[in-house]
Amino acid sequence: MHHTVEAEHRSGDRQGCLRGTRRDILLQLEDWLENEQNQRVFWLNGLAGTGKTTIAQTFADITFAEGKLGASFFCSRDFEDRSNLQAIFPTLAYRYLRFQEQLLKVLRTNPDIGWRCW
């Protein structure tokens, strides 16, 4: 399976939020992390150029430093291998052993799951 290099939060030259900015959304993310209450996904949306990637980068940096980051994959339309949605799961499985173990369990019980999703 094809995996992507340089897609995790520590790759490339992405910068996080400037100190003291985006406090409200970062607090919301931290609250979600600690009290997800069956909400496994935090949907961060907005128009292009409004700072979604910067916020995600900052949150990934914070959770990585705290030992809470499970995995990260930063998509980018500027890089072909990071704009291919089919590379996300193989990349996460390649980089993160715990994710790989869980993915293998799912694939063993549902070997056609990848075809049903596309």
PDB file of N, CA and C in Angstrom:
ATOM      1  N   MET A   1       0.845  -1.183   0.000  1.00  0.00           N
ATOM      2  CA  MET A   1       0.000   0.000   0.000  1.00  0.00           C
ATOM      3  C   MET A   1       0.890   1.245   0.000  1.00  0.00           C
ATOM      4  N   HIS A   2       0.492   2.199  -0.779  1.00  0.00           N
ATOM      5  CA  HIS A   2       1.264   3.437  -0.886  1.00  0.00           C
ATOM      6  C   HIS A   2       1.094   4.292   0.367  1.00  0.00           C
ATOM      7  N   HIS A   3       2.198   4.717   0.941  1.00  0.00           N
ATOM      8  CA  HIS A   3       2.134   5.645   2.071  1.00  0.00           C
ATOM      9  C   HIS A   3       2.858   6.937   1.693  1.00  0.00           C
ATOM     10  N   THR A   4       2.567   7.972   2.435  1.00  0.00           N
ATOM     11  CA  THR A   4       3.116   9.296   2.169  1.00  0.00           C
ATOM     12  C   THR A   4       4.159   9.650   3.216  1.00  0.00           C
ATOM     13  N   VAL A   5       5.222  10.271   2.766  1.00  0.00           N
ATOM     14  CA  VAL A   5       6.236  10.757   3.700  1.00  0.00           C
ATOM     15  C   VAL A   5       5.985  12.248   3.920  1.00  0.00           C
ATOM     16  N   GLU A   6       6.432  12.756   5.018  1.00  0.00           N
ATOM     17  CA  GLU A   6       6.336  14.202   5.284  1.00  0.00           C
ATOM     18  C   GLU A   6       4.903  14.714   5.389  1.00  0.00           C
ATOM     19  N   ALA A   7       4.012  13.927   5.980  1.00  0.00           N
ATOM     20  CA  ALA A   7       2.624  14.386   6.107  1.00  0.00           C
ATOM     21  C   ALA A   7       2.208  14.603   7.557  1.00  0.00           C
ATOM     22  N   GLU A   8       3.033  14.167   8.508  1.00  0.00           N
ATOM     23  CA  GLU A   8       2.624  14.327   9.901  1.00  0.00           C
ATOM     24  C   GLU A   8       2.920  15.745  10.407  1.00  0.00           C
ATOM     25  N   HIS A   9       2.468  16.038  11.596  1.00  0.00           N
ATOM     26  CA  HIS A   9       2.526  17.415  12.105  1.00  0.00           C
ATOM     27  C   HIS A   9       3.947  17.954  12.235  1.00  0.00           C
ATOM     28  N   ARG A  10       4.948  17.109  12.391  1.00  0.00           N
ATOM     29  CA  ARG A  10       6.330  17.569  12.544  1.00  0.00           C
ATOM     30  C   ARG A  10       7.053  17.702  11.209  1.00  0.00           C
ATOM     31  N   SER A  11       6.375  17.432  10.119  1.00  0.00           N
ATOM     32  CA  SER A  11       6.987  17.502   8.792  1.00  0.00           C
ATOM     33  C   SER A  11       6.779  18.876   8.173  1.00  0.00           C
ATOM     34  N   GLY A  12       7.672  19.255   7.328  1.00  0.00           N
ATOM     35  CA  GLY A  12       7.503  20.497   6.580  1.00  0.00           C
ATOM     36  C   GLY A  12       7.779  21.736   7.410  1.00  0.00           C
ATOM     37  N   ASP A  13       7.333  22.842   6.884  1.00  0.00           N
ATOM     38  CA  ASP A  13       7.609  24.125   7.532  1.00  0.00           C
ATOM     39  C   ASP A  13       6.352  24.818   8.033  1.00  0.00           C
ATOM     40  N   ARG A  14       5.338  24.027   8.384  1.00  0.00           N
ATOM     41  CA  ARG A  14       4.108  24.621   8.908  1.00  0.00           C
ATOM     42  C   ARG A  14       4.386  25.278  10.257  1.00  0.00           C
ATOM     43  N   GLN A  15       3.775  26.399  10.459  1.00  0.00           N
ATOM     44  CA  GLN A  15       3.908  27.120  11.731  1.00  0.00           C
ATOM     45  C   GLN A  15       2.588  27.048  12.486  1.00  0.00           C
ATOM     46  N   GLY A  16       2.667  27.109  13.782  1.00  0.00           N
ATOM     47  CA  GLY A  16       1.465  27.123  14.602  1.00  0.00           C
ATOM     48  C   GLY A  16       0.947  28.537  14.786  1.00  0.00           C
ATOM     49  N   CYS A  17      -0.076  28.658  15.602  1.00  0.00           N
ATOM     50  CA  CYS A  17      -0.672  29.962  15.898  1.00  0.00           C
ATOM     51  C   CYS A  17       0.335  30.844  16.638  1.00  0.00           C
ATOM     52  N   LEU A  18       0.243  32.122  16.420  1.00  0.00           N
ATOM     53  CA  LEU A  18       1.056  33.061  17.176  1.00  0.00           C
ATOM     54  C   LEU A  18       0.645  33.001  18.641  1.00  0.00           C
ATOM     55  N   ARG A  19       1.599  33.147  19.516  1.00  0.00           N
ATOM     56  CA  ARG A  19       1.330  33.074  20.955  1.00  0.00           C
ATOM     57  C   ARG A  19       0.184  34.030  21.336  1.00  0.00           C
ATOM     58  N   GLY A  20      -0.775  33.484  22.062  1.00  0.00           N
ATOM     59  CA  GLY A  20      -1.889  34.291  22.552  1.00  0.00           C
ATOM     60  C   GLY A  20      -3.049  34.428  21.581  1.00  0.00           C
ATOM     61  N   THR A  21      -2.924  33.866  20.367  1.00  0.00           N
ATOM     62  CA  THR A  21      -4.030  33.968  19.415  1.00  0.00           C
ATOM     63  C   THR A  21      -4.811  32.658  19.380  1.00  0.00           C
ATOM     64  N   ARG A  22      -6.000  32.719  18.855  1.00  0.00           N
ATOM     65  CA  ARG A  22      -6.885  31.554  18.671  1.00  0.00           C
ATOM     66  C   ARG A  22      -7.180  30.824  19.980  1.00  0.00           C
ATOM     67  N   ARG A  23      -7.186  31.557  21.079  1.00  0.00           N
ATOM     68  CA  ARG A  23      -7.388  30.935  22.390  1.00  0.00           C
ATOM     69  C   ARG A  23      -8.726  30.221  22.504  1.00  0.00           C
ATOM     70  N   ASP A  24      -9.809  30.847  21.993  1.00  0.00           N
ATOM     71  CA  ASP A  24     -11.136  30.246  22.138  1.00  0.00           C
ATOM     72  C   ASP A  24     -11.225  28.880  21.460  1.00  0.00           C
ATOM     73  N   ILE A  25     -10.787  28.803  20.216  1.00  0.00           N
ATOM     74  CA  ILE A  25     -10.887  27.528  19.496  1.00  0.00           C
ATOM     75  C   ILE A  25      -9.935  26.492  20.081  1.00  0.00           C
ATOM     76  N   LEU A  26      -8.768  26.903  20.532  1.00  0.00           N
ATOM     77  CA  LEU A  26      -7.836  25.952  21.148  1.00  0.00           C
ATOM     78  C   LEU A  26      -8.391  25.423  22.467  1.00  0.00           C
ATOM     79  N   LEU A  27      -9.088  26.278  23.222  1.00  0.00           N
ATOM     80  CA  LEU A  27      -9.746  25.817  24.454  1.00  0.00           C
ATOM     81  C   LEU A  27     -10.872  24.846  24.130  1.00  0.00           C
ATOM     82  N   GLN A  28     -11.624  25.115  23.059  1.00  0.00           N
ATOM     83  CA  GLN A  28     -12.682  24.190  22.632  1.00  0.00           C
ATOM     84  C   GLN A  28     -12.096  22.834  22.262  1.00  0.00           C
ATOM     85  N   LEU A  29     -10.973  22.850  21.560  1.00  0.00           N
ATOM     86  CA  LEU A  29     -10.317  21.603  21.180  1.00  0.00           C
ATOM     87  C   LEU A  29      -9.811  20.845  22.401  1.00  0.00           C
ATOM     88  N   GLU A  30      -9.219  21.548  23.332  1.00  0.00           N
ATOM     89  CA  GLU A  30      -8.738  20.895  24.544  1.00  0.00           C
ATOM     90  C   GLU A  30      -9.893  20.298  25.339  1.00  0.00           C
ATOM     91  N   ASP A  31     -11.007  21.032  25.420  1.00  0.00           N
ATOM     92  CA  ASP A  31     -12.193  20.520  26.110  1.00  0.00           C
ATOM     93  C   ASP A  31     -12.718  19.271  25.407  1.00  0.00           C
ATOM     94  N   TRP A  32     -12.762  19.316  24.072  1.00  0.00           N
ATOM     95  CA  TRP A  32     -13.208  18.148  23.308  1.00  0.00           C
ATOM     96  C   TRP A  32     -12.306  16.946  23.583  1.00  0.00           C
ATOM     97  N   LEU A  33     -11.008  17.167  23.625  1.00  0.00           N
ATOM     98  CA  LEU A  33     -10.061  16.081  23.867  1.00  0.00           C
ATOM     99  C   LEU A  33     -10.297  15.437  25.227  1.00  0.00           C
ATOM    100  N   GLU A  34     -10.523  16.261  26.232  1.00  0.00           N
ATOM    101  CA  GLU A  34     -10.685  15.752  27.589  1.00  0.00           C
ATOM    102  C   GLU A  34     -12.088  15.212  27.858  1.00  0.00           C
ATOM    103  N   ASN A  35     -13.099  15.741  27.185  1.00  0.00           N
ATOM    104  CA  ASN A  35     -14.492  15.398  27.472  1.00  0.00           C
ATOM    105  C   ASN A  35     -15.268  15.081  26.199  1.00  0.00           C
ATOM    106  N   GLU A  36     -14.733  14.203  25.363  1.00  0.00           N
ATOM    107  CA  GLU A  36     -15.318  14.019  24.039  1.00  0.00           C
ATOM    108  C   GLU A  36     -16.781  13.565  24.053  1.00  0.00           C
ATOM    109  N   GLN A  37     -17.257  12.933  25.119  1.00  0.00           N
ATOM    110  CA  GLN A  37     -18.660  12.551  25.261  1.00  0.00           C
ATOM    111  C   GLN A  37     -19.254  11.982  23.973  1.00  0.00           C
ATOM    112  N   ASN A  38     -18.635  10.933  23.472  1.00  0.00           N
ATOM    113  CA  ASN A  38     -19.075  10.232  22.265  1.00  0.00           C
ATOM    114  C   ASN A  38     -18.945  11.048  20.988  1.00  0.00           C
ATOM    115  N   GLN A  39     -18.233  12.141  21.004  1.00  0.00           N
ATOM    116  CA  GLN A  39     -17.962  12.915  19.799  1.00  0.00           C
ATOM    117  C   GLN A  39     -16.509  12.662  19.423  1.00  0.00           C
ATOM    118  N   ARG A  40     -16.291  11.646  18.620  1.00  0.00           N
ATOM    119  CA  ARG A  40     -14.929  11.244  18.280  1.00  0.00           C
ATOM    120  C   ARG A  40     -14.283  12.140  17.248  1.00  0.00           C
ATOM    121  N   VAL A  41     -15.063  12.976  16.611  1.00  0.00           N
ATOM    122  CA  VAL A  41     -14.535  13.865  15.581  1.00  0.00           C
ATOM    123  C   VAL A  41     -14.853  15.306  15.954  1.00  0.00           C
ATOM    124  N   PHE A  42     -13.856  16.148  15.874  1.00  0.00           N
ATOM    125  CA  PHE A  42     -14.059  17.593  16.016  1.00  0.00           C
ATOM    126  C   PHE A  42     -13.952  18.157  14.615  1.00  0.00           C
ATOM    127  N   TRP A  43     -15.053  18.666  14.108  1.00  0.00           N
ATOM    128  CA  TRP A  43     -15.092  19.144  12.728  1.00  0.00           C
ATOM    129  C   TRP A  43     -14.692  20.612  12.703  1.00  0.00           C
ATOM    130  N   LEU A  44     -13.493  20.864  12.233  1.00  0.00           N
ATOM    131  CA  LEU A  44     -12.965  22.221  12.125  1.00  0.00           C
ATOM    132  C   LEU A  44     -13.171  22.658  10.677  1.00  0.00           C
ATOM    133  N   ASN A  45     -14.030  23.632  10.459  1.00  0.00           N
ATOM    134  CA  ASN A  45     -14.296  24.053   9.083  1.00  0.00           C
ATOM    135  C   ASN A  45     -14.231  25.562   8.951  1.00  0.00           C
ATOM    136  N   GLY A  46     -14.137  26.013   7.736  1.00  0.00           N
ATOM    137  CA  GLY A  46     -14.070  27.437   7.454  1.00  0.00           C
ATOM    138  C   GLY A  46     -13.583  27.653   6.032  1.00  0.00           C
ATOM    139  N   LEU A  47     -13.630  28.876   5.603  1.00  0.00           N
ATOM    140  CA  LEU A  47     -13.187  29.224   4.262  1.00  0.00           C
ATOM    141  C   LEU A  47     -11.678  29.032   4.133  1.00  0.00           C
ATOM    142  N   ALA A  48     -11.221  28.892   2.897  1.00  0.00           N
ATOM    143  CA  ALA A  48      -9.789  28.771   2.633  1.00  0.00           C
ATOM    144  C   ALA A  48      -9.063  29.996   3.177  1.00  0.00           C
ATOM    145  N   GLY A  49      -7.933  29.738   3.814  1.00  0.00           N
ATOM    146  CA  GLY A  49      -7.104  30.830   4.310  1.00  0.00           C
ATOM    147  C   GLY A  49      -7.506  31.406   5.652  1.00  0.00           C
ATOM    148  N   THR A  50      -8.440  30.747   6.346  1.00  0.00           N
ATOM    149  CA  THR A  50      -8.893  31.297   7.627  1.00  0.00           C
ATOM    150  C   THR A  50      -8.154  30.725   8.833  1.00  0.00           C
ATOM    151  N   GLY A  51      -7.176  29.827   8.589  1.00  0.00           N
ATOM    152  CA  GLY A  51      -6.341  29.358   9.687  1.00  0.00           C
ATOM    153  C   GLY A  51      -6.614  27.960  10.196  1.00  0.00           C
ATOM    154  N   LYS A  52      -7.387  27.170   9.484  1.00  0.00           N
ATOM    155  CA  LYS A  52      -7.701  25.813   9.945  1.00  0.00           C
ATOM    156  C   LYS A  52      -6.440  24.966  10.120  1.00  0.00           C
ATOM    157  N   THR A  53      -5.558  24.988   9.147  1.00  0.00           N
ATOM    158  CA  THR A  53      -4.335  24.192   9.232  1.00  0.00           C
ATOM    159  C   THR A  53      -3.435  24.699  10.356  1.00  0.00           C
ATOM    160  N   THR A  54      -3.376  25.997  10.525  1.00  0.00           N
ATOM    161  CA  THR A  54      -2.557  26.570  11.595  1.00  0.00           C
ATOM    162  C   THR A  54      -3.087  26.144  12.961  1.00  0.00           C
ATOM    163  N   ILE A  55      -4.395  26.150  13.117  1.00  0.00           N
ATOM    164  CA  ILE A  55      -5.012  25.707  14.370  1.00  0.00           C
ATOM    165  C   ILE A  55      -4.733  24.225  14.587  1.00  0.00           C
ATOM    166  N   ALA A  56      -4.915  23.419  13.533  1.00  0.00           N
ATOM    167  CA  ALA A  56      -4.652  21.983  13.642  1.00  0.00           C
ATOM    168  C   ALA A  56      -3.185  21.718  13.982  1.00  0.00           C
ATOM    169  N   GLN A  57      -2.287  22.487  13.382  1.00  0.00           N
ATOM    170  CA  GLN A  57      -0.857  22.344  13.663  1.00  0.00           C
ATOM    171  C   GLN A  57      -0.573  22.643  15.131  1.00  0.00           C
ATOM    172  N   THR A  58      -1.126  23.718  15.627  1.00  0.00           N
ATOM    173  CA  THR A  58      -0.929  24.102  17.024  1.00  0.00           C
ATOM    174  C   THR A  58      -1.466  23.035  17.959  1.00  0.00           C
ATOM    175  N   PHE A  59      -2.670  22.545  17.665  1.00  0.00           N
ATOM    176  CA  PHE A  59      -3.278  21.518  18.507  1.00  0.00           C
ATOM    177  C   PHE A  59      -2.464  20.223  18.464  1.00  0.00           C
ATOM    178  N   ALA A  60      -1.969  19.850  17.295  1.00  0.00           N
ATOM    179  CA  ALA A  60      -1.130  18.663  17.179  1.00  0.00           C
ATOM    180  C   ALA A  60       0.158  18.833  17.981  1.00  0.00           C
ATOM    181  N   ASP A  61       0.758  20.012  17.909  1.00  0.00           N
ATOM    182  CA  ASP A  61       1.974  20.276  18.691  1.00  0.00           C
ATOM    183  C   ASP A  61       1.711  20.150  20.188  1.00  0.00           C
ATOM    184  N   ILE A  62       0.613  20.718  20.633  1.00  0.00           N
ATOM    185  CA  ILE A  62       0.264  20.679  22.063  1.00  0.00           C
ATOM    186  C   ILE A  62       0.024  19.248  22.514  1.00  0.00           C
ATOM    187  N   THR A  63      -0.803  18.514  21.775  1.00  0.00           N
ATOM    188  CA  THR A  63      -1.136  17.154  22.192  1.00  0.00           C
ATOM    189  C   THR A  63       0.071  16.218  22.070  1.00  0.00           C
ATOM    190  N   PHE A  64       0.947  16.463  21.089  1.00  0.00           N
ATOM    191  CA  PHE A  64       2.168  15.668  20.976  1.00  0.00           C
ATOM    192  C   PHE A  64       3.048  15.892  22.201  1.00  0.00           C
ATOM    193  N   ALA A  65       3.213  17.142  22.594  1.00  0.00           N
ATOM    194  CA  ALA A  65       4.046  17.474  23.757  1.00  0.00           C
ATOM    195  C   ALA A  65       3.496  16.852  25.032  1.00  0.00           C
ATOM    196  N   GLU A  66       2.170  16.692  25.095  1.00  0.00           N
ATOM    197  CA  GLU A  66       1.531  16.101  26.270  1.00  0.00           C
ATOM    198  C   GLU A  66       1.425  14.582  26.179  1.00  0.00           C
ATOM    199  N   GLY A  67       1.901  13.999  25.094  1.00  0.00           N
ATOM    200  CA  GLY A  67       1.810  12.553  24.910  1.00  0.00           C
ATOM    201  C   GLY A  67       0.411  12.078  24.580  1.00  0.00           C
ATOM    202  N   LYS A  68      -0.434  12.953  24.045  1.00  0.00           N
ATOM    203  CA  LYS A  68      -1.828  12.608  23.767  1.00  0.00           C
ATOM    204  C   LYS A  68      -2.154  12.520  22.279  1.00  0.00           C
ATOM    205  N   LEU A  69      -1.213  12.829  21.422  1.00  0.00           N
ATOM    206  CA  LEU A  69      -1.493  12.798  19.991  1.00  0.00           C
ATOM    207  C   LEU A  69      -1.479  11.356  19.508  1.00  0.00           C
ATOM    208  N   GLY A  70      -2.611  10.908  18.970  1.00  0.00           N
ATOM    209  CA  GLY A  70      -2.687   9.543  18.455  1.00  0.00           C
ATOM    210  C   GLY A  70      -1.997   9.420  17.118  1.00  0.00           C
ATOM    211  N   ALA A  71      -2.264  10.337  16.222  1.00  0.00           N
ATOM    212  CA  ALA A  71      -1.687  10.310  14.877  1.00  0.00           C
ATOM    213  C   ALA A  71      -2.001  11.634  14.203  1.00  0.00           C
ATOM    214  N   SER A  72      -1.284  11.911  13.121  1.00  0.00           N
ATOM    215  CA  SER A  72      -1.600  13.119  12.357  1.00  0.00           C
ATOM    216  C   SER A  72      -1.265  12.900  10.889  1.00  0.00           C
ATOM    217  N   PHE A  73      -2.059  13.512  10.044  1.00  0.00           N
ATOM    218  CA  PHE A  73      -1.835  13.524   8.608  1.00  0.00           C
ATOM    219  C   PHE A  73      -2.338  14.866   8.112  1.00  0.00           C
ATOM    220  N   PHE A  74      -1.444  15.678   7.588  1.00  0.00           N
ATOM    221  CA  PHE A  74      -1.820  16.994   7.086  1.00  0.00           C
ATOM    222  C   PHE A  74      -1.918  16.939   5.567  1.00  0.00           C
ATOM    223  N   CYS A  75      -3.140  17.045   5.070  1.00  0.00           N
ATOM    224  CA  CYS A  75      -3.366  17.071   3.620  1.00  0.00           C
ATOM    225  C   CYS A  75      -2.889  18.413   3.064  1.00  0.00           C
ATOM    226  N   SER A  76      -2.551  18.403   1.778  1.00  0.00           N
ATOM    227  CA  SER A  76      -2.141  19.628   1.110  1.00  0.00           C
ATOM    228  C   SER A  76      -2.383  19.495  -0.383  1.00  0.00           C
ATOM    229  N   ARG A  77      -3.064  20.462  -0.947  1.00  0.00           N
ATOM    230  CA  ARG A  77      -3.288  20.428  -2.398  1.00  0.00           C
ATOM    231  C   ARG A  77      -2.001  20.750  -3.163  1.00  0.00           C
ATOM    232  N   ASP A  78      -0.990  21.247  -2.468  1.00  0.00           N
ATOM    233  CA  ASP A  78       0.281  21.602  -3.103  1.00  0.00           C
ATOM    234  C   ASP A  78       1.202  20.400  -3.341  1.00  0.00           C
ATOM    235  N   PHE A  79       0.905  19.268  -2.711  1.00  0.00           N
ATOM    236  CA  PHE A  79       1.735  18.069  -2.838  1.00  0.00           C
ATOM    237  C   PHE A  79       0.851  16.898  -3.238  1.00  0.00           C
ATOM    238  N   GLU A  80       1.158  16.293  -4.366  1.00  0.00           N
ATOM    239  CA  GLU A  80       0.315  15.231  -4.912  1.00  0.00           C
ATOM    240  C   GLU A  80       0.079  14.091  -3.925  1.00  0.00           C
ATOM    241  N   ASP A  81       1.142  13.634  -3.259  1.00  0.00           N
ATOM    242  CA  ASP A  81       0.983  12.499  -2.350  1.00  0.00           C
ATOM    243  C   ASP A  81       0.214  12.857  -1.075  1.00  0.00           C
ATOM    244  N   ARG A  82       0.127  14.135  -0.754  1.00  0.00           N
ATOM    245  CA  ARG A  82      -0.637  14.554   0.428  1.00  0.00           C
ATOM    246  C   ARG A  82      -2.034  15.046   0.067  1.00  0.00           C
ATOM    247  N   SER A  83      -2.392  14.971  -1.214  1.00  0.00           N
ATOM    248  CA  SER A  83      -3.751  15.338  -1.618  1.00  0.00           C
ATOM    249  C   SER A  83      -4.539  14.102  -2.037  1.00  0.00           C
ATOM    250  N   ASN A  84      -3.933  12.941  -1.933  1.00  0.00           N
ATOM    251  CA  ASN A  84      -4.577  11.687  -2.287  1.00  0.00           C
ATOM    252  C   ASN A  84      -5.220  11.088  -1.034  1.00  0.00           C
ATOM    253  N   LEU A  85      -6.537  11.115  -0.966  1.00  0.00           N
ATOM    254  CA  LEU A  85      -7.239  10.622   0.221  1.00  0.00           C
ATOM    255  C   LEU A  85      -6.963   9.143   0.482  1.00  0.00           C
ATOM    256  N   GLN A  86      -6.667   8.395  -0.568  1.00  0.00           N
ATOM    257  CA  GLN A  86      -6.405   6.965  -0.398  1.00  0.00           C
ATOM    258  C   GLN A  86      -5.067   6.693   0.286  1.00  0.00           C
ATOM    259  N   ALA A  87      -4.258   7.695   0.464  1.00  0.00           N
ATOM    260  CA  ALA A  87      -2.968   7.513   1.133  1.00  0.00           C
ATOM    261  C   ALA A  87      -3.051   7.728   2.641  1.00  0.00           C
ATOM    262  N   ILE A  88      -4.146   8.276   3.124  1.00  0.00           N
ATOM    263  CA  ILE A  88      -4.234   8.617   4.548  1.00  0.00           C
ATOM    264  C   ILE A  88      -4.115   7.383   5.433  1.00  0.00           C
ATOM    265  N   PHE A  89      -4.979   6.387   5.255  1.00  0.00           N
ATOM    266  CA  PHE A  89      -4.961   5.227   6.142  1.00  0.00           C
ATOM    267  C   PHE A  89      -3.672   4.412   6.019  1.00  0.00           C
ATOM    268  N   PRO A  90      -3.172   4.142   4.810  1.00  0.00           N
ATOM    269  CA  PRO A  90      -1.881   3.439   4.733  1.00  0.00           C
ATOM    270  C   PRO A  90      -0.740   4.214   5.401  1.00  0.00           C
ATOM    271  N   THR A  91      -0.759   5.533   5.285  1.00  0.00           N
ATOM    272  CA  THR A  91       0.288   6.343   5.912  1.00  0.00           C
ATOM    273  C   THR A  91       0.196   6.276   7.425  1.00  0.00           C
ATOM    274  N   LEU A  92      -1.007   6.399   7.953  1.00  0.00           N
ATOM    275  CA  LEU A  92      -1.177   6.315   9.400  1.00  0.00           C
ATOM    276  C   LEU A  92      -0.760   4.932   9.910  1.00  0.00           C
ATOM    277  N   ALA A  93      -1.101   3.889   9.163  1.00  0.00           N
ATOM    278  CA  ALA A  93      -0.728   2.530   9.566  1.00  0.00           C
ATOM    279  C   ALA A  93       0.785   2.334   9.502  1.00  0.00           C
ATOM    280  N   TYR A  94       1.430   2.943   8.538  1.00  0.00           N
ATOM    281  CA  TYR A  94       2.880   2.837   8.397  1.00  0.00           C
ATOM    282  C   TYR A  94       3.601   3.564   9.528  1.00  0.00           C
ATOM    283  N   ARG A  95       3.099   4.718   9.904  1.00  0.00           N
ATOM    284  CA  ARG A  95       3.762   5.570  10.896  1.00  0.00           C
ATOM    285  C   ARG A  95       3.439   5.220  12.341  1.00  0.00           C
ATOM    286  N   TYR A  96       2.236   4.723  12.593  1.00  0.00           N
ATOM    287  CA  TYR A  96       1.759   4.554  13.972  1.00  0.00           C
ATOM    288  C   TYR A  96       1.342   3.107  14.214  1.00  0.00           C
ATOM    289  N   LEU A  97       2.126   2.395  14.996  1.00  0.00           N
ATOM    290  CA  LEU A  97       1.900   0.977  15.234  1.00  0.00           C
ATOM    291  C   LEU A  97       0.526   0.706  15.847  1.00  0.00           C
ATOM    292  N   ARG A  98       0.101   1.511  16.802  1.00  0.00           N
ATOM    293  CA  ARG A  98      -1.199   1.273  17.439  1.00  0.00           C
ATOM    294  C   ARG A  98      -2.326   1.413  16.423  1.00  0.00           C
ATOM    295  N   PHE A  99      -2.217   2.382  15.524  1.00  0.00           N
ATOM    296  CA  PHE A  99      -3.224   2.536  14.478  1.00  0.00           C
ATOM    297  C   PHE A  99      -3.190   1.321  13.555  1.00  0.00           C
ATOM    298  N   GLN A 100      -1.988   0.880  13.214  1.00  0.00           N
ATOM    299  CA  GLN A 100      -1.833  -0.279  12.335  1.00  0.00           C
ATOM    300  C   GLN A 100      -2.522  -1.505  12.931  1.00  0.00           C
ATOM    301  N   GLU A 101      -2.313  -1.723  14.221  1.00  0.00           N
ATOM    302  CA  GLU A 101      -2.923  -2.873  14.882  1.00  0.00           C
ATOM    303  C   GLU A 101      -4.446  -2.816  14.810  1.00  0.00           C
ATOM    304  N   GLN A 102      -5.005  -1.647  15.077  1.00  0.00           N
ATOM    305  CA  GLN A 102      -6.462  -1.495  15.034  1.00  0.00           C
ATOM    306  C   GLN A 102      -7.003  -1.623  13.612  1.00  0.00           C
ATOM    307  N   LEU A 103      -6.286  -1.051  12.660  1.00  0.00           N
ATOM    308  CA  LEU A 103      -6.701  -1.144  11.261  1.00  0.00           C
ATOM    309  C   LEU A 103      -6.685  -2.601  10.790  1.00  0.00           C
ATOM    310  N   LEU A 104      -5.663  -3.354  11.170  1.00  0.00           N
ATOM    311  CA  LEU A 104      -5.586  -4.757  10.780  1.00  0.00           C
ATOM    312  C   LEU A 104      -6.752  -5.558  11.345  1.00  0.00           C
ATOM    313  N   LYS A 105      -7.161  -5.264  12.564  1.00  0.00           N
ATOM    314  CA  LYS A 105      -8.325  -5.942  13.153  1.00  0.00           C
ATOM    315  C   LYS A 105      -9.566  -5.696  12.302  1.00  0.00           C
ATOM    316  N   VAL A 106      -9.763  -4.454  11.915  1.00  0.00           N
ATOM    317  CA  VAL A 106     -10.932  -4.102  11.101  1.00  0.00           C
ATOM    318  C   VAL A 106     -10.857  -4.795   9.747  1.00  0.00           C
ATOM    319  N   LEU A 107      -9.694  -4.763   9.114  1.00  0.00           N
ATOM    320  CA  LEU A 107      -9.538  -5.362   7.790  1.00  0.00           C
ATOM    321  C   LEU A 107      -9.701  -6.874   7.822  1.00  0.00           C
ATOM    322  N   ARG A 108      -9.283  -7.506   8.911  1.00  0.00           N
ATOM    323  CA  ARG A 108      -9.444  -8.965   9.011  1.00  0.00           C
ATOM    324  C   ARG A 108     -10.913  -9.354   9.117  1.00  0.00           C
ATOM    325  N   THR A 109     -11.697  -8.556   9.799  1.00  0.00           N
ATOM    326  CA  THR A 109     -13.121  -8.882   9.950  1.00  0.00           C
ATOM    327  C   THR A 109     -13.963  -8.353   8.791  1.00  0.00           C
ATOM    328  N   ASN A 110     -13.478  -7.324   8.105  1.00  0.00           N
ATOM    329  CA  ASN A 110     -14.199  -6.726   6.981  1.00  0.00           C
ATOM    330  C   ASN A 110     -13.230  -6.451   5.834  1.00  0.00           C
ATOM    331  N   PRO A 111     -12.771  -7.462   5.135  1.00  0.00           N
ATOM    332  CA  PRO A 111     -11.727  -7.246   4.124  1.00  0.00           C
ATOM    333  C   PRO A 111     -12.139  -6.347   2.964  1.00  0.00           C
ATOM    334  N   ASP A 112     -13.414  -6.173   2.725  1.00  0.00           N
ATOM    335  CA  ASP A 112     -13.884  -5.321   1.626  1.00  0.00           C
ATOM    336  C   ASP A 112     -14.243  -3.904   2.070  1.00  0.00           C
ATOM    337  N   ILE A 113     -13.950  -3.560   3.295  1.00  0.00           N
ATOM    338  CA  ILE A 113     -14.381  -2.266   3.819  1.00  0.00           C
ATOM    339  C   ILE A 113     -13.871  -1.088   2.999  1.00  0.00           C
ATOM    340  N   GLY A 114     -12.672  -1.178   2.478  1.00  0.00           N
ATOM    341  CA  GLY A 114     -12.124  -0.096   1.672  1.00  0.00           C
ATOM    342  C   GLY A 114     -12.908   0.160   0.404  1.00  0.00           C
ATOM    343  N   TRP A 115     -13.470  -0.875  -0.170  1.00  0.00           N
ATOM    344  CA  TRP A 115     -14.238  -0.715  -1.402  1.00  0.00           C
ATOM    345  C   TRP A 115     -15.609  -0.137  -1.114  1.00  0.00           C
ATOM    346  N   ARG A 116     -16.151  -0.410   0.055  1.00  0.00           N
ATOM    347  CA  ARG A 116     -17.478   0.115   0.393  1.00  0.00           C
ATOM    348  C   ARG A 116     -17.443   1.595   0.694  1.00  0.00           C
ATOM    349  N   CYS A 117     -16.286   2.107   1.105  1.00  0.00           N
ATOM    350  CA  CYS A 117     -16.167   3.516   1.485  1.00  0.00           C
ATOM    351  C   CYS A 117     -15.970   4.428   0.278  1.00  0.00           C
ATOM    352  N   TRP A 118     -15.500   3.910  -0.830  1.00  0.00           N
ATOM    353  CA  TRP A 118     -15.206   4.755  -1.978  1.00  0.00           C
ATOM    354  C   TRP A 118     -16.340   4.659  -2.946  1.00  0.00           C
TER     355      TRP A 118
END
